[in-house]
Amino acid sequence: MRAEDRIRRAETAAYLAALRREFPAFGIVADPERPIWMAVRGDDVFIRATDGHVLRRRLLELANR
């Protein structure tokens, strides 16, 4: 694995962990290779985004923050 791929994976993992801490009521998963980031809460909320920053913005909008 190339060094830049390792860095990108580490950055993705760190941002994913931060989102999970900030929004503990959501299940959050990411596949940055595709790129797909998703957040789910129960049966009523499903959010899909192209990157973690877009997902966070949508989660903040949902929380009215």
PDB file of N, CA and C in Angstrom:
ATOM      1  N   MET A   1       0.845  -1.176   0.000  1.00  0.00           N
ATOM      2  CA  MET A   1       0.000   0.000   0.000  1.00  0.00           C
ATOM      3  C   MET A   1       0.896   1.248   0.000  1.00  0.00           C
ATOM      4  N   ARG A   2       0.522   2.194  -0.823  1.00  0.00           N
ATOM      5  CA  ARG A   2       1.293   3.432  -0.916  1.00  0.00           C
ATOM      6  C   ARG A   2       1.109   4.273   0.338  1.00  0.00           C
ATOM      7  N   ALA A   3       2.079   5.106   0.617  1.00  0.00           N
ATOM      8  CA  ALA A   3       2.042   5.959   1.812  1.00  0.00           C
ATOM      9  C   ALA A   3       0.833   6.890   1.783  1.00  0.00           C
ATOM     10  N   GLU A   4       0.519   7.462   0.634  1.00  0.00           N
ATOM     11  CA  GLU A   4      -0.621   8.384   0.578  1.00  0.00           C
ATOM     12  C   GLU A   4      -1.946   7.657   0.792  1.00  0.00           C
ATOM     13  N   ASP A   5      -2.048   6.406   0.386  1.00  0.00           N
ATOM     14  CA  ASP A   5      -3.251   5.615   0.662  1.00  0.00           C
ATOM     15  C   ASP A   5      -3.396   5.354   2.160  1.00  0.00           C
ATOM     16  N   ARG A   6      -2.289   5.071   2.830  1.00  0.00           N
ATOM     17  CA  ARG A   6      -2.325   4.858   4.277  1.00  0.00           C
ATOM     18  C   ARG A   6      -2.752   6.128   4.997  1.00  0.00           C
ATOM     19  N   ILE A   7      -2.239   7.262   4.545  1.00  0.00           N
ATOM     20  CA  ILE A   7      -2.611   8.544   5.155  1.00  0.00           C
ATOM     21  C   ILE A   7      -4.088   8.817   4.938  1.00  0.00           C
ATOM     22  N   ARG A   8      -4.575   8.589   3.732  1.00  0.00           N
ATOM     23  CA  ARG A   8      -5.992   8.833   3.433  1.00  0.00           C
ATOM     24  C   ARG A   8      -6.883   7.936   4.286  1.00  0.00           C
ATOM     25  N   ARG A   9      -6.512   6.675   4.431  1.00  0.00           N
ATOM     26  CA  ARG A   9      -7.297   5.751   5.265  1.00  0.00           C
ATOM     27  C   ARG A   9      -7.287   6.185   6.724  1.00  0.00           C
ATOM     28  N   ALA A  10      -6.146   6.634   7.208  1.00  0.00           N
ATOM     29  CA  ALA A  10      -6.054   7.098   8.594  1.00  0.00           C
ATOM     30  C   ALA A  10      -6.900   8.343   8.800  1.00  0.00           C
ATOM     31  N   GLU A  11      -6.880   9.264   7.842  1.00  0.00           N
ATOM     32  CA  GLU A  11      -7.707  10.466   7.937  1.00  0.00           C
ATOM     33  C   GLU A  11      -9.191  10.116   7.896  1.00  0.00           C
ATOM     34  N   THR A  12      -9.568   9.184   7.042  1.00  0.00           N
ATOM     35  CA  THR A  12     -10.950   8.744   6.957  1.00  0.00           C
ATOM     36  C   THR A  12     -11.388   8.112   8.265  1.00  0.00           C
ATOM     37  N   ALA A  13     -10.568   7.246   8.818  1.00  0.00           N
ATOM     38  CA  ALA A  13     -10.904   6.585  10.084  1.00  0.00           C
ATOM     39  C   ALA A  13     -11.041   7.597  11.211  1.00  0.00           C
ATOM     40  N   ALA A  14     -10.163   8.585  11.253  1.00  0.00           N
ATOM     41  CA  ALA A  14     -10.226   9.609  12.295  1.00  0.00           C
ATOM     42  C   ALA A  14     -11.491  10.450  12.148  1.00  0.00           C
ATOM     43  N   TYR A  15     -11.840  10.840  10.923  1.00  0.00           N
ATOM     44  CA  TYR A  15     -13.041  11.659  10.718  1.00  0.00           C
ATOM     45  C   TYR A  15     -14.299  10.847  11.017  1.00  0.00           C
ATOM     46  N   LEU A  16     -14.301   9.587  10.638  1.00  0.00           N
ATOM     47  CA  LEU A  16     -15.433   8.713  10.924  1.00  0.00           C
ATOM     48  C   LEU A  16     -15.622   8.570  12.437  1.00  0.00           C
ATOM     49  N   ALA A  17     -14.537   8.384  13.171  1.00  0.00           N
ATOM     50  CA  ALA A  17     -14.614   8.282  14.636  1.00  0.00           C
ATOM     51  C   ALA A  17     -15.139   9.577  15.239  1.00  0.00           C
ATOM     52  N   ALA A  18     -14.720  10.711  14.710  1.00  0.00           N
ATOM     53  CA  ALA A  18     -15.192  11.997  15.220  1.00  0.00           C
ATOM     54  C   ALA A  18     -16.695  12.169  14.974  1.00  0.00           C
ATOM     55  N   LEU A  19     -17.159  11.773  13.799  1.00  0.00           N
ATOM     56  CA  LEU A  19     -18.605  11.855  13.512  1.00  0.00           C
ATOM     57  C   LEU A  19     -19.398  10.960  14.448  1.00  0.00           C
ATOM     58  N   ARG A  20     -18.899   9.780  14.704  1.00  0.00           N
ATOM     59  CA  ARG A  20     -19.595   8.859  15.602  1.00  0.00           C
ATOM     60  C   ARG A  20     -19.663   9.411  17.018  1.00  0.00           C
ATOM     61  N   ARG A  21     -18.604  10.104  17.459  1.00  0.00           N
ATOM     62  CA  ARG A  21     -18.634  10.730  18.789  1.00  0.00           C
ATOM     63  C   ARG A  21     -19.615  11.896  18.824  1.00  0.00           C
ATOM     64  N   GLU A  22     -19.633  12.696  17.774  1.00  0.00           N
ATOM     65  CA  GLU A  22     -20.493  13.883  17.730  1.00  0.00           C
ATOM     66  C   GLU A  22     -21.968  13.528  17.576  1.00  0.00           C
ATOM     67  N   PHE A  23     -22.257  12.427  16.888  1.00  0.00           N
ATOM     68  CA  PHE A  23     -23.634  12.019  16.626  1.00  0.00           C
ATOM     69  C   PHE A  23     -23.843  10.572  17.075  1.00  0.00           C
ATOM     70  N   PRO A  24     -23.841  10.327  18.391  1.00  0.00           N
ATOM     71  CA  PRO A  24     -23.896   8.950  18.896  1.00  0.00           C
ATOM     72  C   PRO A  24     -25.228   8.237  18.637  1.00  0.00           C
ATOM     73  N   ALA A  25     -26.274   8.971  18.320  1.00  0.00           N
ATOM     74  CA  ALA A  25     -27.577   8.351  18.065  1.00  0.00           C
ATOM     75  C   ALA A  25     -27.656   7.736  16.666  1.00  0.00           C
ATOM     76  N   PHE A  26     -26.635   7.975  15.847  1.00  0.00           N
ATOM     77  CA  PHE A  26     -26.634   7.490  14.469  1.00  0.00           C
ATOM     78  C   PHE A  26     -25.626   6.365  14.279  1.00  0.00           C
ATOM     79  N   GLY A  27     -25.973   5.438  13.418  1.00  0.00           N
ATOM     80  CA  GLY A  27     -24.997   4.481  12.910  1.00  0.00           C
ATOM     81  C   GLY A  27     -24.372   5.123  11.683  1.00  0.00           C
ATOM     82  N   ILE A  28     -23.065   5.258  11.667  1.00  0.00           N
ATOM     83  CA  ILE A  28     -22.389   5.945  10.562  1.00  0.00           C
ATOM     84  C   ILE A  28     -21.343   5.011   9.966  1.00  0.00           C
ATOM     85  N   VAL A  29     -21.405   4.848   8.652  1.00  0.00           N
ATOM     86  CA  VAL A  29     -20.447   4.013   7.930  1.00  0.00           C
ATOM     87  C   VAL A  29     -19.920   4.780   6.724  1.00  0.00           C
ATOM     88  N   ALA A  30     -18.741   4.370   6.272  1.00  0.00           N
ATOM     89  CA  ALA A  30     -18.133   5.047   5.125  1.00  0.00           C
ATOM     90  C   ALA A  30     -17.403   4.050   4.251  1.00  0.00           C
ATOM     91  N   ASP A  31     -17.482   4.288   2.957  1.00  0.00           N
ATOM     92  CA  ASP A  31     -16.664   3.577   1.974  1.00  0.00           C
ATOM     93  C   ASP A  31     -16.059   4.650   1.089  1.00  0.00           C
ATOM     94  N   PRO A  32     -14.929   5.228   1.527  1.00  0.00           N
ATOM     95  CA  PRO A  32     -14.359   6.353   0.781  1.00  0.00           C
ATOM     96  C   PRO A  32     -13.860   5.991  -0.612  1.00  0.00           C
ATOM     97  N   GLU A  33     -13.692   4.727  -0.902  1.00  0.00           N
ATOM     98  CA  GLU A  33     -13.253   4.316  -2.232  1.00  0.00           C
ATOM     99  C   GLU A  33     -14.347   4.516  -3.273  1.00  0.00           C
ATOM    100  N   ARG A  34     -15.615   4.512  -2.849  1.00  0.00           N
ATOM    101  CA  ARG A  34     -16.720   4.569  -3.819  1.00  0.00           C
ATOM    102  C   ARG A  34     -17.095   5.969  -4.261  1.00  0.00           C
ATOM    103  N   PRO A  35     -17.165   7.028  -3.623  1.00  0.00           N
ATOM    104  CA  PRO A  35     -17.213   7.389  -2.208  1.00  0.00           C
ATOM    105  C   PRO A  35     -18.649   7.472  -1.698  1.00  0.00           C
ATOM    106  N   ILE A  36     -18.907   6.792  -0.608  1.00  0.00           N
ATOM    107  CA  ILE A  36     -20.222   6.806   0.026  1.00  0.00           C
ATOM    108  C   ILE A  36     -20.040   6.917   1.534  1.00  0.00           C
ATOM    109  N   TRP A  37     -20.736   7.850   2.113  1.00  0.00           N
ATOM    110  CA  TRP A  37     -20.813   8.010   3.571  1.00  0.00           C
ATOM    111  C   TRP A  37     -22.296   7.982   3.913  1.00  0.00           C
ATOM    112  N   MET A  38     -22.662   7.211   4.944  1.00  0.00           N
ATOM    113  CA  MET A  38     -24.072   7.069   5.301  1.00  0.00           C
ATOM    114  C   MET A  38     -24.272   7.179   6.807  1.00  0.00           C
ATOM    115  N   ALA A  39     -25.429   7.726   7.167  1.00  0.00           N
ATOM    116  CA  ALA A  39     -25.837   7.786   8.567  1.00  0.00           C
ATOM    117  C   ALA A  39     -27.264   7.271   8.652  1.00  0.00           C
ATOM    118  N   VAL A  40     -27.527   6.450   9.658  1.00  0.00           N
ATOM    119  CA  VAL A  40     -28.852   5.850   9.836  1.00  0.00           C
ATOM    120  C   VAL A  40     -29.249   6.005  11.297  1.00  0.00           C
ATOM    121  N   ARG A  41     -30.539   6.336  11.509  1.00  0.00           N
ATOM    122  CA  ARG A  41     -31.091   6.366  12.855  1.00  0.00           C
ATOM    123  C   ARG A  41     -32.466   5.715  12.798  1.00  0.00           C
ATOM    124  N   GLY A  42     -32.560   4.560  13.409  1.00  0.00           N
ATOM    125  CA  GLY A  42     -33.832   3.841  13.421  1.00  0.00           C
ATOM    126  C   GLY A  42     -34.321   3.526  12.023  1.00  0.00           C
ATOM    127  N   ASP A  43     -35.642   3.521  11.883  1.00  0.00           N
ATOM    128  CA  ASP A  43     -36.254   3.244  10.583  1.00  0.00           C
ATOM    129  C   ASP A  43     -36.624   4.506   9.818  1.00  0.00           C
ATOM    130  N   ASP A  44     -36.425   5.671  10.453  1.00  0.00           N
ATOM    131  CA  ASP A  44     -36.951   6.891   9.847  1.00  0.00           C
ATOM    132  C   ASP A  44     -35.912   7.819   9.225  1.00  0.00           C
ATOM    133  N   VAL A  45     -34.628   7.668   9.535  1.00  0.00           N
ATOM    134  CA  VAL A  45     -33.634   8.595   9.004  1.00  0.00           C
ATOM    135  C   VAL A  45     -32.512   7.826   8.306  1.00  0.00           C
ATOM    136  N   PHE A  46     -32.294   8.168   7.043  1.00  0.00           N
ATOM    137  CA  PHE A  46     -31.184   7.619   6.260  1.00  0.00           C
ATOM    138  C   PHE A  46     -30.589   8.772   5.469  1.00  0.00           C
ATOM    139  N   ILE A  47     -29.318   9.044   5.684  1.00  0.00           N
ATOM    140  CA  ILE A  47     -28.647  10.140   4.981  1.00  0.00           C
ATOM    141  C   ILE A  47     -27.458   9.555   4.237  1.00  0.00           C
ATOM    142  N   ARG A  48     -27.336   9.933   2.983  1.00  0.00           N
ATOM    143  CA  ARG A  48     -26.216   9.474   2.151  1.00  0.00           C
ATOM    144  C   ARG A  48     -25.488  10.699   1.615  1.00  0.00           C
ATOM    145  N   ALA A  49     -24.156  10.639   1.632  1.00  0.00           N
ATOM    146  CA  ALA A  49     -23.357  11.773   1.165  1.00  0.00           C
ATOM    147  C   ALA A  49     -22.118  11.261   0.431  1.00  0.00           C
ATOM    148  N   THR A  50     -21.474  12.170  -0.273  1.00  0.00           N
ATOM    149  CA  THR A  50     -20.284  11.807  -1.042  1.00  0.00           C
ATOM    150  C   THR A  50     -18.995  11.892  -0.231  1.00  0.00           C
ATOM    151  N   ASP A  51     -19.046  12.595   0.903  1.00  0.00           N
ATOM    152  CA  ASP A  51     -17.878  12.647   1.780  1.00  0.00           C
ATOM    153  C   ASP A  51     -18.319  12.974   3.207  1.00  0.00           C
ATOM    154  N   GLY A  52     -17.384  12.860   4.121  1.00  0.00           N
ATOM    155  CA  GLY A  52     -17.695  13.057   5.525  1.00  0.00           C
ATOM    156  C   GLY A  52     -18.119  14.465   5.866  1.00  0.00           C
ATOM    157  N   HIS A  53     -17.586  15.448   5.164  1.00  0.00           N
ATOM    158  CA  HIS A  53     -17.931  16.838   5.449  1.00  0.00           C
ATOM    159  C   HIS A  53     -19.375  17.134   5.044  1.00  0.00           C
ATOM    160  N   VAL A  54     -19.789  16.608   3.915  1.00  0.00           N
ATOM    161  CA  VAL A  54     -21.176  16.779   3.476  1.00  0.00           C
ATOM    162  C   VAL A  54     -22.115  16.057   4.440  1.00  0.00           C
ATOM    163  N   LEU A  55     -21.740  14.872   4.857  1.00  0.00           N
ATOM    164  CA  LEU A  55     -22.566  14.127   5.810  1.00  0.00           C
ATOM    165  C   LEU A  55     -22.710  14.898   7.112  1.00  0.00           C
ATOM    166  N   ARG A  56     -21.621  15.447   7.623  1.00  0.00           N
ATOM    167  CA  ARG A  56     -21.679  16.217   8.871  1.00  0.00           C
ATOM    168  C   ARG A  56     -22.594  17.428   8.713  1.00  0.00           C
ATOM    169  N   ARG A  57     -22.484  18.132   7.592  1.00  0.00           N
ATOM    170  CA  ARG A  57     -23.342  19.293   7.361  1.00  0.00           C
ATOM    171  C   ARG A  57     -24.817  18.894   7.355  1.00  0.00           C
ATOM    172  N   ARG A  58     -25.138  17.785   6.732  1.00  0.00           N
ATOM    173  CA  ARG A  58     -26.532  17.329   6.701  1.00  0.00           C
ATOM    174  C   ARG A  58     -27.017  16.900   8.082  1.00  0.00           C
ATOM    175  N   LEU A  59     -26.134  16.257   8.855  1.00  0.00           N
ATOM    176  CA  LEU A  59     -26.504  15.876  10.220  1.00  0.00           C
ATOM    177  C   LEU A  59     -26.728  17.107  11.090  1.00  0.00           C
ATOM    178  N   LEU A  60     -25.895  18.120  10.927  1.00  0.00           N
ATOM    179  CA  LEU A  60     -26.075  19.372  11.671  1.00  0.00           C
ATOM    180  C   LEU A  60     -27.386  20.051  11.281  1.00  0.00           C
ATOM    181  N   GLU A  61     -27.715  20.054  10.006  1.00  0.00           N
ATOM    182  CA  GLU A  61     -28.989  20.621   9.550  1.00  0.00           C
ATOM    183  C   GLU A  61     -30.160  19.881  10.166  1.00  0.00           C
ATOM    184  N   LEU A  62     -30.071  18.576  10.222  1.00  0.00           N
ATOM    185  CA  LEU A  62     -31.133  17.772  10.812  1.00  0.00           C
ATOM    186  C   LEU A  62     -31.297  18.078  12.301  1.00  0.00           C
ATOM    187  N   ALA A  63     -30.180  18.346  12.976  1.00  0.00           N
ATOM    188  CA  ALA A  63     -30.208  18.647  14.400  1.00  0.00           C
ATOM    189  C   ALA A  63     -30.475  20.132  14.675  1.00  0.00           C
ATOM    190  N   ASN A  64     -30.656  20.920  13.601  1.00  0.00           N
ATOM    191  CA  ASN A  64     -30.865  22.365  13.717  1.00  0.00           C
ATOM    192  C   ASN A  64     -29.736  23.076  14.453  1.00  0.00           C
ATOM    193  N   ARG A  65     -28.513  22.669  14.166  1.00  0.00           N
ATOM    194  CA  ARG A  65     -27.353  23.324  14.796  1.00  0.00           C
ATOM    195  C   ARG A  65     -26.632  24.192  13.810  1.00  0.00           C
TER     196      ARG A  65
END
